[in-house]
Amino acid sequence: MSEISKEYIELIPNVFNSFQRINQKASNLSHLQNQILEFVFMNQRALTIKQISDGLNIPKQQMTDLVKRLFEQGFITKSQNKDDKRSFVIELTEKGKASQQEKWTKIHQNFMNDLSKLTSEEQLDLQYALHKVNYLLKIMEER
């Protein structure tokens, strides 16, 4: 069991570093700005600043400035929350949606470039290993 734990702990920074490298050149926005846009994009609905703050574990005070900059750059719209007039909801503009689609396209291209450095057999090994890890982690979560 301790070997499994050791491999799992080693996997985390490897996956993080790999993704960080292929994500690095995919957008000109800051890491937190990207996280906000991605969170709203993935939820595919208007969200309050509190919902985004809670979902990303970013302090609400820090969110205010980030949201202001994204609004000024035309990535999001801000409108009064119909359910609670004291708060605002955030939605992506067409520019915001396009930026996320472009970012994920670049990430995919960067990953495919990295993948091309592996032999066909290594690619199959990686595919099987990733599938198996995902499958087993889901089983652990469900039980």
Protein backbone atom coordinates (compact mmCIF):
# COMPACT_ATOMS: atom_id res chain seq x y z
CA MET A 1 0.00 0.00 0.00
CA SER A 2 2.82 2.44 0.75
CA GLU A 3 4.15 1.99 -2.81
CA ILE A 4 0.74 2.91 -4.22
CA SER A 5 0.64 5.98 -1.99
CA LYS A 6 4.14 6.96 -3.11
CA GLU A 7 3.24 6.62 -6.82
CA TYR A 8 0.02 8.58 -6.32
CA ILE A 9 1.88 11.42 -4.59
CA GLU A 10 4.45 11.47 -7.42
CA LEU A 11 1.69 11.54 -10.03
CA ILE A 12 0.19 14.80 -8.78
CA PRO A 13 3.13 17.14 -9.49
CA ASN A 14 3.91 15.30 -12.75
CA VAL A 15 0.39 15.83 -14.09
CA PHE A 16 0.28 19.39 -12.74
CA ASN A 17 3.64 20.33 -14.27
CA SER A 18 2.76 18.73 -17.59
CA PHE A 19 -0.55 20.55 -17.78
CA GLN A 20 0.97 23.82 -16.62
CA ARG A 21 3.58 23.57 -19.40
CA ILE A 22 1.06 22.93 -22.20
CA ASN A 23 -1.34 25.52 -20.75
CA GLN A 24 1.37 28.18 -20.38
CA LYS A 25 1.23 29.55 -23.91
CA ALA A 26 -2.52 29.02 -24.40
CA SER A 27 -3.72 32.37 -23.00
CA ASN A 28 -2.53 35.89 -22.25
CA LEU A 29 -4.67 36.21 -19.11
CA SER A 30 -3.46 35.65 -15.56
CA HIS A 31 -3.92 32.26 -13.96
CA LEU A 32 -6.79 33.47 -11.75
CA GLN A 33 -8.51 35.30 -14.61
CA ASN A 34 -8.36 32.08 -16.64
CA GLN A 35 -9.76 30.10 -13.72
CA ILE A 36 -12.74 32.44 -13.44
CA LEU A 37 -13.51 32.34 -17.15
CA GLU A 38 -13.08 28.58 -17.24
CA PHE A 39 -15.34 28.07 -14.21
CA VAL A 40 -18.15 30.14 -15.75
CA PHE A 41 -17.57 28.48 -19.15
CA MET A 42 -17.79 24.97 -17.69
CA ASN A 43 -20.93 25.80 -15.69
CA GLN A 44 -22.60 27.23 -18.83
CA ARG A 45 -24.83 29.59 -16.87
CA ALA A 46 -24.73 32.94 -15.10
CA LEU A 47 -23.06 32.74 -11.68
CA THR A 48 -22.82 35.08 -8.74
CA ILE A 49 -19.43 36.26 -7.54
CA LYS A 50 -20.02 34.22 -4.37
CA GLN A 51 -20.68 31.04 -6.38
CA ILE A 52 -17.47 31.58 -8.36
CA SER A 53 -15.54 32.49 -5.21
CA ASP A 54 -16.76 29.37 -3.39
CA GLY A 55 -16.23 27.13 -6.40
CA LEU A 56 -12.65 28.25 -6.94
CA ASN A 57 -11.80 28.86 -3.30
CA ILE A 58 -10.74 32.43 -4.06
CA PRO A 59 -11.49 35.06 -1.40
CA LYS A 60 -14.45 37.25 -2.39
CA GLN A 61 -12.36 40.41 -1.85
CA GLN A 62 -9.82 39.21 -4.42
CA MET A 63 -12.62 38.33 -6.86
CA THR A 64 -13.84 41.94 -7.06
CA ASP A 65 -10.68 43.23 -8.76
CA LEU A 66 -10.35 40.17 -11.03
CA VAL A 67 -13.97 40.46 -12.17
CA LYS A 68 -13.55 44.21 -12.75
CA ARG A 69 -10.57 43.61 -15.04
CA LEU A 70 -12.33 40.82 -16.96
CA PHE A 71 -15.34 43.13 -17.43
CA GLU A 72 -13.13 46.01 -18.63
CA GLN A 73 -11.44 43.68 -21.13
CA GLY A 74 -14.83 42.56 -22.49
CA PHE A 75 -14.67 38.91 -21.40
CA ILE A 76 -17.70 39.02 -19.08
CA THR A 77 -20.90 40.90 -18.44
CA LYS A 78 -22.16 41.87 -15.03
CA SER A 79 -25.85 42.25 -14.33
CA GLN A 80 -28.02 42.47 -11.27
CA ASN A 81 -29.08 39.11 -9.83
CA LYS A 82 -32.83 38.68 -10.36
CA ASP A 83 -33.05 36.46 -7.26
CA ASP A 84 -31.07 38.76 -4.97
CA LYS A 85 -30.92 42.44 -5.95
CA ARG A 86 -27.89 42.97 -3.69
CA SER A 87 -25.63 40.80 -5.85
CA PHE A 88 -24.52 40.53 -9.47
CA VAL A 89 -24.36 37.62 -11.87
CA ILE A 90 -21.45 37.07 -14.21
CA GLU A 91 -21.79 35.69 -17.74
CA LEU A 92 -19.27 35.23 -20.52
CA THR A 93 -19.46 37.48 -23.53
CA GLU A 94 -18.85 36.05 -27.00
CA LYS A 95 -15.24 37.21 -26.56
CA GLY A 96 -15.04 35.31 -23.25
CA LYS A 97 -16.46 32.13 -24.78
CA ALA A 98 -14.15 32.41 -27.79
CA SER A 99 -11.11 32.91 -25.52
CA GLN A 100 -11.91 29.66 -23.68
CA GLN A 101 -12.48 27.71 -26.88
CA GLU A 102 -9.21 29.04 -28.32
CA LYS A 103 -7.36 28.23 -25.10
CA TRP A 104 -8.57 24.62 -25.07
CA THR A 105 -7.73 24.26 -28.76
CA LYS A 106 -4.17 25.44 -28.05
CA ILE A 107 -3.89 23.14 -25.03
CA HIS A 108 -4.98 20.22 -27.21
CA GLN A 109 -2.46 21.19 -29.91
CA ASN A 110 0.33 21.49 -27.31
CA PHE A 111 -0.59 18.11 -25.83
CA MET A 112 -0.65 16.47 -29.27
CA ASN A 113 2.79 17.94 -29.94
CA ASP A 114 4.09 16.40 -26.70
CA LEU A 115 2.36 13.11 -27.49
CA SER A 116 4.11 12.95 -30.87
CA LYS A 117 7.41 12.64 -28.97
CA LEU A 118 6.36 9.16 -27.83
CA THR A 119 6.51 6.01 -29.93
CA SER A 120 3.23 4.32 -30.90
CA GLU A 121 3.76 1.72 -28.20
CA GLU A 122 4.48 4.40 -25.57
CA GLN A 123 1.32 6.23 -26.62
CA LEU A 124 -0.74 3.05 -26.13
CA ASP A 125 0.90 2.51 -22.74
CA LEU A 126 0.06 6.07 -21.71
CA GLN A 127 -3.52 5.75 -22.93
CA TYR A 128 -4.02 2.52 -20.99
CA ALA A 129 -2.36 3.89 -17.86
CA LEU A 130 -4.46 7.08 -17.89
CA HIS A 131 -7.65 5.11 -18.52
CA LYS A 132 -6.87 2.72 -15.69
CA VAL A 133 -5.97 5.49 -13.22
CA ASN A 134 -9.17 7.39 -14.04
CA TYR A 135 -11.26 4.23 -13.73
CA LEU A 136 -9.74 3.20 -10.40
CA LEU A 137 -9.98 6.68 -8.89
CA LYS A 138 -13.68 6.75 -9.78
CA ILE A 139 -14.19 3.37 -8.07
CA MET A 140 -12.42 4.66 -4.95
CA GLU A 141 -14.66 7.74 -4.91
CA GLU A 142 -17.85 5.71 -5.33
CA ARG A 143 -17.17 3.13 -2.60
